[in-house]
Amino acid sequence: MKKETVALFIGFAFAGCLLVFFPAYAQENITVLANDAFGNKQRPPAVFAHDEHNEKAQIDDCATCHHVYRNAEKVEGESSEDIGCADCHNVKAGYPTRPLMKAYHDLCGGCHKEKKSGPITCGECHPRGGAPSHGESSEGH
């Protein structure tokens, strides 16, 4: 009886770990934008709740953010969601793409400014201590 109880406990513990950790690797559930590409991190990673953001911003097309460019022109209807941003955008300036940090700031900050909604200051996106800032003072994004 004791072996069965231990085996049952281990099974539940394993299942619990899968339920907790597996969704963390799904893009839809990310809570921060990874900044692994940056060697010298000046700020904490940007806080970002993917699904919550897209719902508030009414973004249905992944290619809105996960764009594809060919010959310096955006390819409509094609998405790069399975490719890391740093795979196309170098950390340092270089042709043919803009640097990674500028790409993030132009895309995200540019949209927030255009829509007049969402965080635009450094501390709103990169809060010290990792406390979420999205949704506290912004409407729409």
C-alpha atoms as a PDB file:
ATOM      1  CA  MET A   1       0.000   0.000   0.000  1.00  0.00           C
ATOM      2  CA  LYS A   2       2.827   2.370   0.829  1.00  0.00           C
ATOM      3  CA  LYS A   3       4.468   1.929  -2.615  1.00  0.00           C
ATOM      4  CA  GLU A   4       1.176   2.689  -4.338  1.00  0.00           C
ATOM      5  CA  THR A   5       0.731   5.860  -2.279  1.00  0.00           C
ATOM      6  CA  VAL A   6       4.261   7.031  -3.071  1.00  0.00           C
ATOM      7  CA  ALA A   7       3.801   6.248  -6.780  1.00  0.00           C
ATOM      8  CA  LEU A   8       0.496   8.117  -6.799  1.00  0.00           C
ATOM      9  CA  PHE A   9       2.074  11.093  -5.053  1.00  0.00           C
ATOM     10  CA  ILE A  10       4.966  11.156  -7.554  1.00  0.00           C
ATOM     11  CA  GLY A  11       2.514  10.944 -10.447  1.00  0.00           C
ATOM     12  CA  PHE A  12       0.475  13.874  -9.140  1.00  0.00           C
ATOM     13  CA  ALA A  13       3.637  15.893  -8.447  1.00  0.00           C
ATOM     14  CA  PHE A  14       4.880  15.250 -11.999  1.00  0.00           C
ATOM     15  CA  ALA A  15       1.516  16.190 -13.514  1.00  0.00           C
ATOM     16  CA  GLY A  16       1.436  19.328 -11.379  1.00  0.00           C
ATOM     17  CA  CYS A  17       4.893  20.337 -12.575  1.00  0.00           C
ATOM     18  CA  LEU A  18       3.838  19.860 -16.191  1.00  0.00           C
ATOM     19  CA  LEU A  19       0.760  21.998 -15.669  1.00  0.00           C
ATOM     20  CA  VAL A  20       2.801  24.767 -14.051  1.00  0.00           C
ATOM     21  CA  PHE A  21       5.955  24.801 -16.183  1.00  0.00           C
ATOM     22  CA  PHE A  22       4.858  23.634 -19.643  1.00  0.00           C
ATOM     23  CA  PRO A  23       2.566  26.618 -20.351  1.00  0.00           C
ATOM     24  CA  ALA A  24       5.412  28.969 -19.437  1.00  0.00           C
ATOM     25  CA  TYR A  25       7.130  27.986 -22.664  1.00  0.00           C
ATOM     26  CA  ALA A  26       4.139  28.791 -24.864  1.00  0.00           C
ATOM     27  CA  GLN A  27       4.418  32.215 -26.459  1.00  0.00           C
ATOM     28  CA  GLU A  28       0.826  33.039 -25.675  1.00  0.00           C
ATOM     29  CA  ASN A  29       1.610  32.855 -21.964  1.00  0.00           C
ATOM     30  CA  ILE A  30       4.846  34.827 -21.804  1.00  0.00           C
ATOM     31  CA  THR A  31       5.004  37.573 -19.220  1.00  0.00           C
ATOM     32  CA  VAL A  32       8.290  39.241 -20.218  1.00  0.00           C
ATOM     33  CA  LEU A  33      10.092  39.778 -23.496  1.00  0.00           C
ATOM     34  CA  ALA A  34      13.301  37.769 -23.366  1.00  0.00           C
ATOM     35  CA  ASN A  35      16.418  39.894 -23.497  1.00  0.00           C
ATOM     36  CA  ASP A  36      18.950  37.076 -23.729  1.00  0.00           C
ATOM     37  CA  ALA A  37      20.431  38.574 -26.901  1.00  0.00           C
ATOM     38  CA  PHE A  38      21.659  41.613 -24.977  1.00  0.00           C
ATOM     39  CA  GLY A  39      24.954  41.062 -23.186  1.00  0.00           C
ATOM     40  CA  ASN A  40      25.022  44.243 -21.108  1.00  0.00           C
ATOM     41  CA  LYS A  41      21.482  44.671 -19.829  1.00  0.00           C
ATOM     42  CA  GLN A  42      20.784  48.256 -18.817  1.00  0.00           C
ATOM     43  CA  ARG A  43      17.192  47.572 -17.766  1.00  0.00           C
ATOM     44  CA  PRO A  44      15.085  44.564 -16.741  1.00  0.00           C
ATOM     45  CA  PRO A  45      13.207  42.793 -19.549  1.00  0.00           C
ATOM     46  CA  ALA A  46       9.982  44.400 -20.733  1.00  0.00           C
ATOM     47  CA  VAL A  47       6.895  43.121 -18.930  1.00  0.00           C
ATOM     48  CA  PHE A  48       4.466  41.795 -21.507  1.00  0.00           C
ATOM     49  CA  ALA A  49       1.344  39.648 -21.196  1.00  0.00           C
ATOM     50  CA  HIS A  50       0.929  38.437 -24.788  1.00  0.00           C
ATOM     51  CA  ASP A  51      -2.729  37.356 -24.823  1.00  0.00           C
ATOM     52  CA  GLU A  52      -3.923  40.164 -22.554  1.00  0.00           C
ATOM     53  CA  HIS A  53      -2.121  42.731 -24.714  1.00  0.00           C
ATOM     54  CA  ASN A  54      -3.548  41.400 -27.978  1.00  0.00           C
ATOM     55  CA  GLU A  55      -7.046  41.213 -26.544  1.00  0.00           C
ATOM     56  CA  LYS A  56      -6.958  44.807 -25.261  1.00  0.00           C
ATOM     57  CA  ALA A  57      -5.309  46.063 -28.453  1.00  0.00           C
ATOM     58  CA  GLN A  58      -7.713  44.009 -30.592  1.00  0.00           C
ATOM     59  CA  ILE A  59      -4.841  42.405 -32.506  1.00  0.00           C
ATOM     60  CA  ASP A  60      -5.958  39.246 -34.294  1.00  0.00           C
ATOM     61  CA  ASP A  61      -3.232  38.974 -36.944  1.00  0.00           C
ATOM     62  CA  CYS A  62       0.102  37.700 -35.569  1.00  0.00           C
ATOM     63  CA  ALA A  63       1.910  39.421 -38.458  1.00  0.00           C
ATOM     64  CA  THR A  64       0.962  42.790 -36.948  1.00  0.00           C
ATOM     65  CA  CYS A  65       3.930  42.360 -34.609  1.00  0.00           C
ATOM     66  CA  HIS A  66       5.609  39.241 -35.997  1.00  0.00           C
ATOM     67  CA  HIS A  67       6.305  40.727 -39.419  1.00  0.00           C
ATOM     68  CA  VAL A  68       8.270  39.426 -42.387  1.00  0.00           C
ATOM     69  CA  TYR A  69      10.240  41.678 -44.720  1.00  0.00           C
ATOM     70  CA  ARG A  70      11.746  40.746 -48.077  1.00  0.00           C
ATOM     71  CA  ASN A  71      13.737  43.201 -50.161  1.00  0.00           C
ATOM     72  CA  ALA A  72      12.942  45.946 -47.618  1.00  0.00           C
ATOM     73  CA  GLU A  73       9.180  45.486 -48.104  1.00  0.00           C
ATOM     74  CA  LYS A  74       6.728  44.009 -45.609  1.00  0.00           C
ATOM     75  CA  VAL A  75       5.191  40.745 -46.803  1.00  0.00           C
ATOM     76  CA  GLU A  76       1.466  40.924 -46.053  1.00  0.00           C
ATOM     77  CA  GLY A  77      -0.140  37.863 -44.493  1.00  0.00           C
ATOM     78  CA  GLU A  78       3.154  36.193 -43.582  1.00  0.00           C
ATOM     79  CA  SER A  79       4.135  35.852 -39.926  1.00  0.00           C
ATOM     80  CA  SER A  80       7.461  35.266 -38.187  1.00  0.00           C
ATOM     81  CA  GLU A  81       6.051  34.108 -34.836  1.00  0.00           C
ATOM     82  CA  ASP A  82       8.212  30.962 -34.846  1.00  0.00           C
ATOM     83  CA  ILE A  83      11.411  32.979 -35.356  1.00  0.00           C
ATOM     84  CA  GLY A  84      13.137  34.906 -32.585  1.00  0.00           C
ATOM     85  CA  CYS A  85      13.380  38.662 -33.096  1.00  0.00           C
ATOM     86  CA  ALA A  86      17.171  38.469 -32.641  1.00  0.00           C
ATOM     87  CA  ASP A  87      17.364  35.972 -35.510  1.00  0.00           C
ATOM     88  CA  CYS A  88      16.667  38.844 -37.924  1.00  0.00           C
ATOM     89  CA  HIS A  89      17.504  41.909 -35.845  1.00  0.00           C
ATOM     90  CA  ASN A  90      21.119  42.088 -34.688  1.00  0.00           C
ATOM     91  CA  VAL A  91      21.921  43.543 -31.311  1.00  0.00           C
ATOM     92  CA  LYS A  92      24.291  46.036 -32.964  1.00  0.00           C
ATOM     93  CA  ALA A  93      23.503  48.164 -35.969  1.00  0.00           C
ATOM     94  CA  GLY A  94      23.864  46.289 -39.193  1.00  0.00           C
ATOM     95  CA  TYR A  95      22.407  45.942 -42.613  1.00  0.00           C
ATOM     96  CA  PRO A  96      19.796  44.887 -43.667  1.00  0.00           C
ATOM     97  CA  THR A  97      17.769  45.135 -40.458  1.00  0.00           C
ATOM     98  CA  ARG A  98      17.606  47.698 -37.698  1.00  0.00           C
ATOM     99  CA  PRO A  99      19.226  46.795 -34.381  1.00  0.00           C
ATOM    100  CA  LEU A 100      17.139  44.670 -32.024  1.00  0.00           C
ATOM    101  CA  MET A 101      16.601  47.311 -29.336  1.00  0.00           C
ATOM    102  CA  LYS A 102      15.570  49.916 -31.919  1.00  0.00           C
ATOM    103  CA  ALA A 103      13.249  47.394 -33.567  1.00  0.00           C
ATOM    104  CA  TYR A 104      11.488  46.712 -30.246  1.00  0.00           C
ATOM    105  CA  HIS A 105      11.236  50.385 -29.368  1.00  0.00           C
ATOM    106  CA  ASP A 106      10.065  51.432 -32.850  1.00  0.00           C
ATOM    107  CA  LEU A 107       7.470  48.670 -33.170  1.00  0.00           C
ATOM    108  CA  CYS A 108       6.054  48.681 -29.648  1.00  0.00           C
ATOM    109  CA  GLY A 109       6.567  52.315 -28.697  1.00  0.00           C
ATOM    110  CA  GLY A 110       5.590  53.489 -32.166  1.00  0.00           C
ATOM    111  CA  CYS A 111       2.288  51.643 -31.992  1.00  0.00           C
ATOM    112  CA  HIS A 112       1.596  52.908 -28.474  1.00  0.00           C
ATOM    113  CA  LYS A 113       2.279  56.496 -29.562  1.00  0.00           C
ATOM    114  CA  GLU A 114       0.194  56.112 -32.715  1.00  0.00           C
ATOM    115  CA  LYS A 115      -2.753  54.650 -30.788  1.00  0.00           C
ATOM    116  CA  LYS A 116      -2.199  57.057 -27.872  1.00  0.00           C
ATOM    117  CA  SER A 117      -2.473  54.054 -25.591  1.00  0.00           C
ATOM    118  CA  GLY A 118      -0.045  51.840 -23.722  1.00  0.00           C
ATOM    119  CA  PRO A 119       3.271  52.391 -21.989  1.00  0.00           C
ATOM    120  CA  ILE A 120       5.866  54.599 -23.659  1.00  0.00           C
ATOM    121  CA  THR A 121       8.387  55.480 -20.952  1.00  0.00           C
ATOM    122  CA  CYS A 122      11.314  53.249 -20.019  1.00  0.00           C
ATOM    123  CA  GLY A 123      10.010  52.422 -16.538  1.00  0.00           C
ATOM    124  CA  GLU A 124       6.527  51.561 -17.776  1.00  0.00           C
ATOM    125  CA  CYS A 125       7.866  48.765 -19.992  1.00  0.00           C
ATOM    126  CA  HIS A 126      10.943  47.845 -17.950  1.00  0.00           C
ATOM    127  CA  PRO A 127       9.851  48.113 -14.309  1.00  0.00           C
ATOM    128  CA  ARG A 128      12.498  47.579 -11.660  1.00  0.00           C
ATOM    129  CA  GLY A 129      11.595  44.484  -9.662  1.00  0.00           C
ATOM    130  CA  GLY A 130       9.510  43.062 -12.512  1.00  0.00           C
ATOM    131  CA  ALA A 131       6.168  44.437 -11.300  1.00  0.00           C
ATOM    132  CA  PRO A 132       3.701  44.540 -14.196  1.00  0.00           C
ATOM    133  CA  SER A 133       2.886  47.977 -15.482  1.00  0.00           C
ATOM    134  CA  HIS A 134       0.772  47.133 -18.522  1.00  0.00           C
ATOM    135  CA  GLY A 135      -2.869  47.807 -17.906  1.00  0.00           C
ATOM    136  CA  GLU A 136      -2.375  49.938 -14.809  1.00  0.00           C
ATOM    137  CA  SER A 137      -2.455  53.304 -16.516  1.00  0.00           C
ATOM    138  CA  SER A 138      -3.045  52.373 -20.121  1.00  0.00           C
ATOM    139  CA  GLU A 139      -6.218  51.836 -22.041  1.00  0.00           C
ATOM    140  CA  GLY A 140      -6.276  49.716 -25.161  1.00  0.00           C
ATOM    141  CA  HIS A 141      -2.734  48.271 -24.999  1.00  0.00           C
END
